[in-house]
C-alpha atoms as a PDB file:
ATOM      1  CA  MET A   1      28.369  19.235  -2.282  1.00  0.00           C
ATOM      2  CA  ASP A   2      25.887  18.437   0.491  1.00  0.00           C
ATOM      3  CA  VAL A   3      22.705  20.409  -0.068  1.00  0.00           C
ATOM      4  CA  LYS A   4      19.663  19.902   2.125  1.00  0.00           C
ATOM      5  CA  ALA A   5      16.417  21.096   0.591  1.00  0.00           C
ATOM      6  CA  HIS A   6      13.760  22.488   2.853  1.00  0.00           C
ATOM      7  CA  VAL A   7      10.332  21.302   1.743  1.00  0.00           C
ATOM      8  CA  GLU A   8       7.109  22.648   3.190  1.00  0.00           C
ATOM      9  CA  ILE A   9       3.844  20.692   3.298  1.00  0.00           C
ATOM     10  CA  TYR A  10       0.695  22.670   2.542  1.00  0.00           C
ATOM     11  CA  ILE A  11      -2.846  21.391   2.994  1.00  0.00           C
ATOM     12  CA  VAL A  12      -5.089  23.711   0.960  1.00  0.00           C
ATOM     13  CA  PHE A  13      -8.797  24.240   1.622  1.00  0.00           C
ATOM     14  CA  ASN A  14     -11.364  26.327  -0.272  1.00  0.00           C
ATOM     15  CA  LYS A  15     -12.704  27.595   3.041  1.00  0.00           C
ATOM     16  CA  GLU A  16     -11.099  28.347   6.386  1.00  0.00           C
ATOM     17  CA  PRO A  17      -8.961  25.316   7.386  1.00  0.00           C
ATOM     18  CA  PRO A  18     -10.190  23.327  10.375  1.00  0.00           C
ATOM     19  CA  GLU A  19      -8.394  24.393  13.559  1.00  0.00           C
ATOM     20  CA  GLU A  20      -7.098  20.880  14.243  1.00  0.00           C
ATOM     21  CA  TRP A  21      -4.823  21.104  11.167  1.00  0.00           C
ATOM     22  CA  MET A  22      -2.907  23.963  12.783  1.00  0.00           C
ATOM     23  CA  ARG A  23      -1.242  21.752  15.410  1.00  0.00           C
ATOM     24  CA  PHE A  24       1.377  20.007  13.339  1.00  0.00           C
ATOM     25  CA  PRO A  25       4.914  21.293  12.922  1.00  0.00           C
ATOM     26  CA  GLY A  26       5.997  21.405   9.290  1.00  0.00           C
ATOM     27  CA  VAL A  27       2.419  21.355   8.005  1.00  0.00           C
ATOM     28  CA  ARG A  28       0.620  24.548   6.987  1.00  0.00           C
ATOM     29  CA  ALA A  29      -3.134  24.485   6.479  1.00  0.00           C
ATOM     30  CA  ILE A  30      -4.301  27.444   4.408  1.00  0.00           C
ATOM     31  CA  LYS A  31      -7.161  28.743   2.305  1.00  0.00           C
ATOM     32  CA  ALA A  32      -6.638  28.369  -1.454  1.00  0.00           C
ATOM     33  CA  GLU A  33      -6.520  32.141  -1.926  1.00  0.00           C
ATOM     34  CA  GLU A  34      -3.494  32.310   0.412  1.00  0.00           C
ATOM     35  CA  LEU A  35      -1.373  29.969  -1.723  1.00  0.00           C
ATOM     36  CA  VAL A  36       1.130  32.175  -3.512  1.00  0.00           C
ATOM     37  CA  SER A  37       3.577  29.613  -4.885  1.00  0.00           C
ATOM     38  CA  ILE A  38       4.014  25.857  -4.973  1.00  0.00           C
ATOM     39  CA  ASP A  39       7.799  25.975  -5.410  1.00  0.00           C
ATOM     40  CA  LYS A  40       9.638  23.766  -2.910  1.00  0.00           C
ATOM     41  CA  LYS A  41       6.351  22.698  -1.350  1.00  0.00           C
ATOM     42  CA  ILE A  42       4.369  19.513  -1.129  1.00  0.00           C
ATOM     43  CA  VAL A  43       0.814  20.682  -1.787  1.00  0.00           C
ATOM     44  CA  LEU A  44      -2.396  18.736  -1.254  1.00  0.00           C
ATOM     45  CA  VAL A  45      -5.724  20.339  -2.140  1.00  0.00           C
ATOM     46  CA  VAL A  46      -8.716  19.131  -0.128  1.00  0.00           C
ATOM     47  CA  GLY A  47     -12.036  18.758  -1.904  1.00  0.00           C
ATOM     48  CA  ASP A  48     -11.279  20.624  -5.149  1.00  0.00           C
ATOM     49  CA  ARG A  49      -9.967  18.192  -7.724  1.00  0.00           C
ATOM     50  CA  GLU A  50     -10.079  20.829 -10.488  1.00  0.00           C
ATOM     51  CA  LEU A  51      -7.851  23.253  -8.540  1.00  0.00           C
ATOM     52  CA  ALA A  52      -5.405  20.452  -7.784  1.00  0.00           C
ATOM     53  CA  LYS A  53      -5.308  19.575 -11.482  1.00  0.00           C
ATOM     54  CA  GLN A  54      -4.735  23.228 -12.484  1.00  0.00           C
ATOM     55  CA  LEU A  55      -1.865  23.528  -9.997  1.00  0.00           C
ATOM     56  CA  GLY A  56      -0.421  20.107 -10.830  1.00  0.00           C
ATOM     57  CA  VAL A  57      -0.550  18.995  -7.196  1.00  0.00           C
ATOM     58  CA  GLY A  58      -2.144  16.235  -5.145  1.00  0.00           C
ATOM     59  CA  HIS A  59      -5.817  16.024  -4.265  1.00  0.00           C
ATOM     60  CA  LEU A  60      -7.567  14.599  -1.214  1.00  0.00           C
ATOM     61  CA  ASP A  61     -11.286  14.228  -0.765  1.00  0.00           C
ATOM     62  CA  GLU A  62     -12.696  15.103   2.667  1.00  0.00           C
ATOM     63  CA  GLU A  63     -12.522  11.487   3.882  1.00  0.00           C
ATOM     64  CA  GLU A  64      -8.888  11.091   2.806  1.00  0.00           C
ATOM     65  CA  ALA A  65      -7.993  14.382   4.489  1.00  0.00           C
ATOM     66  CA  SER A  66      -9.635  13.151   7.688  1.00  0.00           C
ATOM     67  CA  GLU A  67      -7.658   9.907   7.504  1.00  0.00           C
ATOM     68  CA  LEU A  68      -4.414  11.855   7.004  1.00  0.00           C
ATOM     69  CA  LEU A  69      -5.260  14.052   9.975  1.00  0.00           C
ATOM     70  CA  GLN A  70      -5.861  10.999  12.179  1.00  0.00           C
ATOM     71  CA  TYR A  71      -2.593   9.462  10.987  1.00  0.00           C
ATOM     72  CA  LEU A  72      -0.670  12.639  11.849  1.00  0.00           C
ATOM     73  CA  LYS A  73      -2.281  12.699  15.284  1.00  0.00           C
ATOM     74  CA  ARG A  74      -1.144   9.116  15.928  1.00  0.00           C
ATOM     75  CA  LEU A  75       2.306   9.718  14.465  1.00  0.00           C
ATOM     76  CA  LEU A  76       2.916  12.873  16.458  1.00  0.00           C
ATOM     77  CA  GLY A  77       1.322  11.702  19.675  1.00  0.00           C
ATOM     78  CA  GLY A  78      -1.983  13.554  19.506  1.00  0.00           C
ATOM     79  CA  ARG A  79      -0.596  17.081  19.433  1.00  0.00           C
END
C-alpha cells in the first residue's frame, strides 16, 4: 500500500508572526493561541522554550528563527 502523508510545518510565535514568514508555501506562521493541534505537523516554537517543552515540539530562539528564515529565502529564491 502506497500512502503519502501530508505534513504541515508550523512556526509558532507568542506574538503576531513577522510578515516575512507568510511568504513560504508549506510553512504556516501563527500565534501560539491559534495552534489547535500538533498532529501531522512539524512544529517549531520561537522564543518560548517552556511552551515547546509542554507541547513536545522543537524550539528556536530568535537568532535561530532568523537563520531559518534566511535559509528559506535562499532556498526558495527570495520569495
